[in-house]
Amino acid sequence: MRTAIILSWILTISTFTAYSQQLKANNEHKNNPYYSNTDTRHLNVSNAEWKKILPPALYATSREQATEQAFTGKFWNSTAKGTYYCAVCGNKLFRSDAKFASDCGWPSFFEPIRKNSVIYRADNSYGMQRMEVICARCGSHLGHIFDDGPPPTHKRFCMNSVSLDFELDGFAK
């Protein structure tokens, strides 16, 4: 009985922690007129405009292709059930059902929520040949895709946590 109470308490704390992260993310977008979880129209916003709107870490990653340090992002080891969105524009990107533990230090998914939610671009920076994953709505850098993921796609969408927002199942924004 005591074990059940402790497990219930841990689950409750985890749920409220994820919910408070979600509320914090919502507050971060109060000055962003482009942020929408329902609008899928392509945005043409200049980097100068994004720089005025976005927090510095999000701007550096999403607009200047920076990468957050491995094992430091808020979602790299999250197991909460819900939906991941672009932190810049709110575009729906991934479901937690497609997330897996890859041990690479960044949140990893084997498929996007819709085929047209992301686009790909060759990235030959740092002497490597990779495919960059970009938000199809706002053109922001999300991370990279690799061919070492699990079935059924065998893909690993290796994303930066800072580039993602999360909505816990059962908590509408």
Protein backbone atom coordinates (compact mmCIF):
# COMPACT_ATOMS: atom_id res chain seq x y z
CA MET A 1 0.00 0.00 0.00
CA ARG A 2 2.80 2.39 0.93
CA THR A 3 4.54 1.71 -2.41
CA ALA A 4 1.33 2.51 -4.29
CA ILE A 5 0.99 5.81 -2.41
CA ILE A 6 4.61 6.75 -3.16
CA LEU A 7 4.22 5.87 -6.86
CA SER A 8 1.00 7.89 -7.02
CA TRP A 9 2.76 10.84 -5.37
CA ILE A 10 5.68 10.63 -7.84
CA LEU A 11 3.27 10.49 -10.81
CA THR A 12 1.37 13.51 -9.46
CA ILE A 13 4.57 15.53 -9.03
CA SER A 14 5.75 14.55 -12.54
CA THR A 15 2.41 15.61 -14.01
CA PHE A 16 2.45 18.98 -12.25
CA THR A 17 6.10 19.54 -13.23
CA ALA A 18 5.27 18.92 -16.89
CA TYR A 19 2.18 21.14 -16.58
CA SER A 20 4.19 23.97 -15.01
CA GLN A 21 6.78 23.68 -17.83
CA GLN A 22 3.86 23.97 -20.23
CA LEU A 23 2.51 27.09 -18.48
CA LYS A 24 5.98 28.62 -18.50
CA ALA A 25 6.26 27.98 -22.23
CA ASN A 26 2.88 29.63 -22.81
CA ASN A 27 4.04 32.77 -20.97
CA GLU A 28 7.18 32.89 -23.10
CA HIS A 29 5.03 33.42 -26.20
CA LYS A 30 2.95 36.35 -24.97
CA ASN A 31 5.01 38.77 -27.13
CA ASN A 32 5.09 36.50 -30.19
CA PRO A 33 2.22 37.38 -32.56
CA TYR A 34 3.20 34.51 -34.90
CA TYR A 35 2.84 31.70 -32.35
CA SER A 36 -0.12 29.38 -33.04
CA ASN A 37 -0.75 25.68 -32.47
CA THR A 38 -3.43 25.62 -35.19
CA ASP A 39 -2.19 27.88 -38.00
CA THR A 40 -0.11 25.95 -40.56
CA ARG A 41 0.46 28.80 -43.04
CA HIS A 42 4.10 29.43 -43.89
CA LEU A 43 5.62 32.46 -42.15
CA ASN A 44 8.01 34.93 -43.77
CA VAL A 45 9.50 36.73 -40.79
CA SER A 46 12.96 38.30 -40.87
CA ASN A 47 15.68 37.24 -38.44
CA ALA A 48 15.73 40.85 -37.19
CA GLU A 49 12.06 40.50 -36.20
CA TRP A 50 12.61 37.07 -34.62
CA LYS A 51 15.53 38.48 -32.62
CA LYS A 52 13.19 41.07 -31.07
CA ILE A 53 10.63 38.41 -30.12
CA LEU A 54 12.53 35.26 -29.13
CA PRO A 55 14.54 34.57 -25.96
CA PRO A 56 18.31 34.60 -26.71
CA ALA A 57 18.85 30.82 -26.36
CA LEU A 58 15.91 30.03 -28.63
CA TYR A 59 17.02 32.61 -31.19
CA ALA A 60 20.59 31.22 -31.24
CA THR A 61 19.38 27.66 -31.77
CA SER A 62 16.44 28.24 -34.09
CA ARG A 63 17.78 31.05 -36.27
CA GLU A 64 21.59 30.62 -36.02
CA GLN A 65 21.69 26.78 -35.91
CA ALA A 66 23.30 26.59 -32.46
CA THR A 67 23.07 23.30 -30.57
CA GLU A 68 22.28 22.99 -26.90
CA GLN A 69 24.67 20.92 -24.80
CA ALA A 70 23.81 17.21 -24.65
CA PHE A 71 21.92 15.95 -21.58
CA THR A 72 20.91 19.48 -20.51
CA GLY A 73 17.64 20.13 -22.35
CA LYS A 74 14.31 19.88 -20.54
CA PHE A 75 12.96 17.13 -22.82
CA TRP A 76 15.96 14.87 -23.50
CA ASN A 77 14.79 12.19 -21.06
CA SER A 78 11.13 13.11 -20.61
CA THR A 79 8.61 10.29 -20.76
CA ALA A 80 5.50 12.45 -20.39
CA LYS A 81 2.70 11.77 -22.87
CA GLY A 82 1.69 14.60 -25.15
CA THR A 83 2.52 16.69 -28.20
CA TYR A 84 5.67 18.62 -29.11
CA TYR A 85 5.44 21.93 -30.98
CA CYS A 86 7.94 24.34 -32.53
CA ALA A 87 8.91 26.78 -29.75
CA VAL A 88 9.23 29.58 -32.31
CA CYS A 89 5.89 29.40 -34.13
CA GLY A 90 3.78 26.70 -32.42
CA ASN A 91 3.72 24.31 -35.40
CA LYS A 92 2.75 20.76 -34.34
CA LEU A 93 5.84 18.54 -34.80
CA PHE A 94 5.95 15.26 -32.85
CA ARG A 95 3.88 13.02 -30.57
CA SER A 96 5.42 11.47 -27.49
CA ASP A 97 4.41 8.06 -28.92
CA ALA A 98 7.18 8.55 -31.50
CA LYS A 99 9.77 9.55 -28.87
CA PHE A 100 12.39 7.04 -27.78
CA ALA A 101 15.40 6.86 -25.46
CA SER A 102 18.39 7.16 -27.76
CA ASP A 103 21.01 7.98 -25.12
CA CYS A 104 22.41 10.72 -27.40
CA GLY A 105 21.50 13.49 -24.94
CA TRP A 106 18.75 15.14 -26.98
CA PRO A 107 15.07 14.32 -27.41
CA SER A 108 14.75 11.79 -30.23
CA PHE A 109 11.75 10.80 -32.32
CA PHE A 110 11.33 8.22 -35.10
CA GLU A 111 8.77 10.25 -37.11
CA PRO A 112 7.11 13.66 -37.23
CA ILE A 113 3.40 14.03 -36.52
CA ARG A 114 2.74 15.01 -40.18
CA LYS A 115 5.01 14.54 -43.18
CA ASN A 116 4.74 18.24 -44.01
CA SER A 117 5.44 19.55 -40.49
CA VAL A 118 9.21 19.54 -41.08
CA ILE A 119 11.53 19.97 -44.05
CA TYR A 120 15.11 18.89 -44.59
CA ARG A 121 18.25 20.65 -45.76
CA ALA A 122 21.79 19.38 -46.28
CA ASP A 123 24.12 20.55 -43.50
CA ASN A 124 27.85 20.22 -44.15
CA SER A 125 28.97 22.33 -41.19
CA TYR A 126 31.80 21.28 -38.87
CA GLY A 127 33.18 18.89 -41.49
CA MET A 128 30.16 16.57 -41.20
CA GLN A 129 27.51 15.57 -43.72
CA ARG A 130 24.12 15.67 -42.00
CA MET A 131 20.50 16.48 -42.75
CA GLU A 132 19.12 19.43 -40.85
CA VAL A 133 15.49 19.30 -39.68
CA ILE A 134 13.65 22.60 -40.06
CA CYS A 135 10.16 23.68 -39.03
CA ALA A 136 8.11 23.83 -42.23
CA ARG A 137 6.05 26.76 -40.95
CA CYS A 138 8.72 29.21 -39.77
CA GLY A 139 11.99 27.83 -41.17
CA SER A 140 13.60 27.44 -37.74
CA HIS A 141 16.37 24.95 -37.02
CA LEU A 142 15.12 22.09 -34.84
CA GLY A 143 17.98 19.58 -35.02
CA HIS A 144 19.16 16.81 -37.35
CA ILE A 145 17.92 13.47 -38.69
CA PHE A 146 20.00 10.28 -38.73
CA ASP A 147 19.45 6.75 -40.08
CA ASP A 148 20.07 4.93 -36.78
CA GLY A 149 16.60 5.04 -35.23
CA PRO A 150 14.22 2.24 -34.29
CA PRO A 151 11.60 0.57 -36.49
CA PRO A 152 9.38 1.28 -38.25
CA THR A 153 11.23 4.23 -39.82
CA HIS A 154 14.81 3.58 -38.64
CA LYS A 155 15.14 7.38 -38.36
CA ARG A 156 16.33 9.42 -35.39
CA PHE A 157 15.06 12.99 -35.33
CA CYS A 158 17.57 14.41 -32.86
CA MET A 159 16.00 17.68 -31.67
CA ASN A 160 17.08 20.53 -29.41
CA SER A 161 14.81 20.82 -26.35
CA VAL A 162 14.97 24.62 -26.52
CA SER A 163 13.38 24.44 -30.00
CA LEU A 164 10.40 22.49 -28.65
CA ASP A 165 7.30 23.27 -26.59
CA PHE A 166 5.28 20.49 -25.02
CA GLU A 167 1.59 20.05 -24.30
CA LEU A 168 0.81 17.32 -21.82
CA ASP A 169 -2.11 15.09 -22.84
CA GLY A 170 -5.23 16.26 -21.03
CA PHE A 171 -4.02 19.86 -20.53
CA ALA A 172 -5.26 22.06 -23.37
CA LYS A 173 -3.40 25.31 -24.00
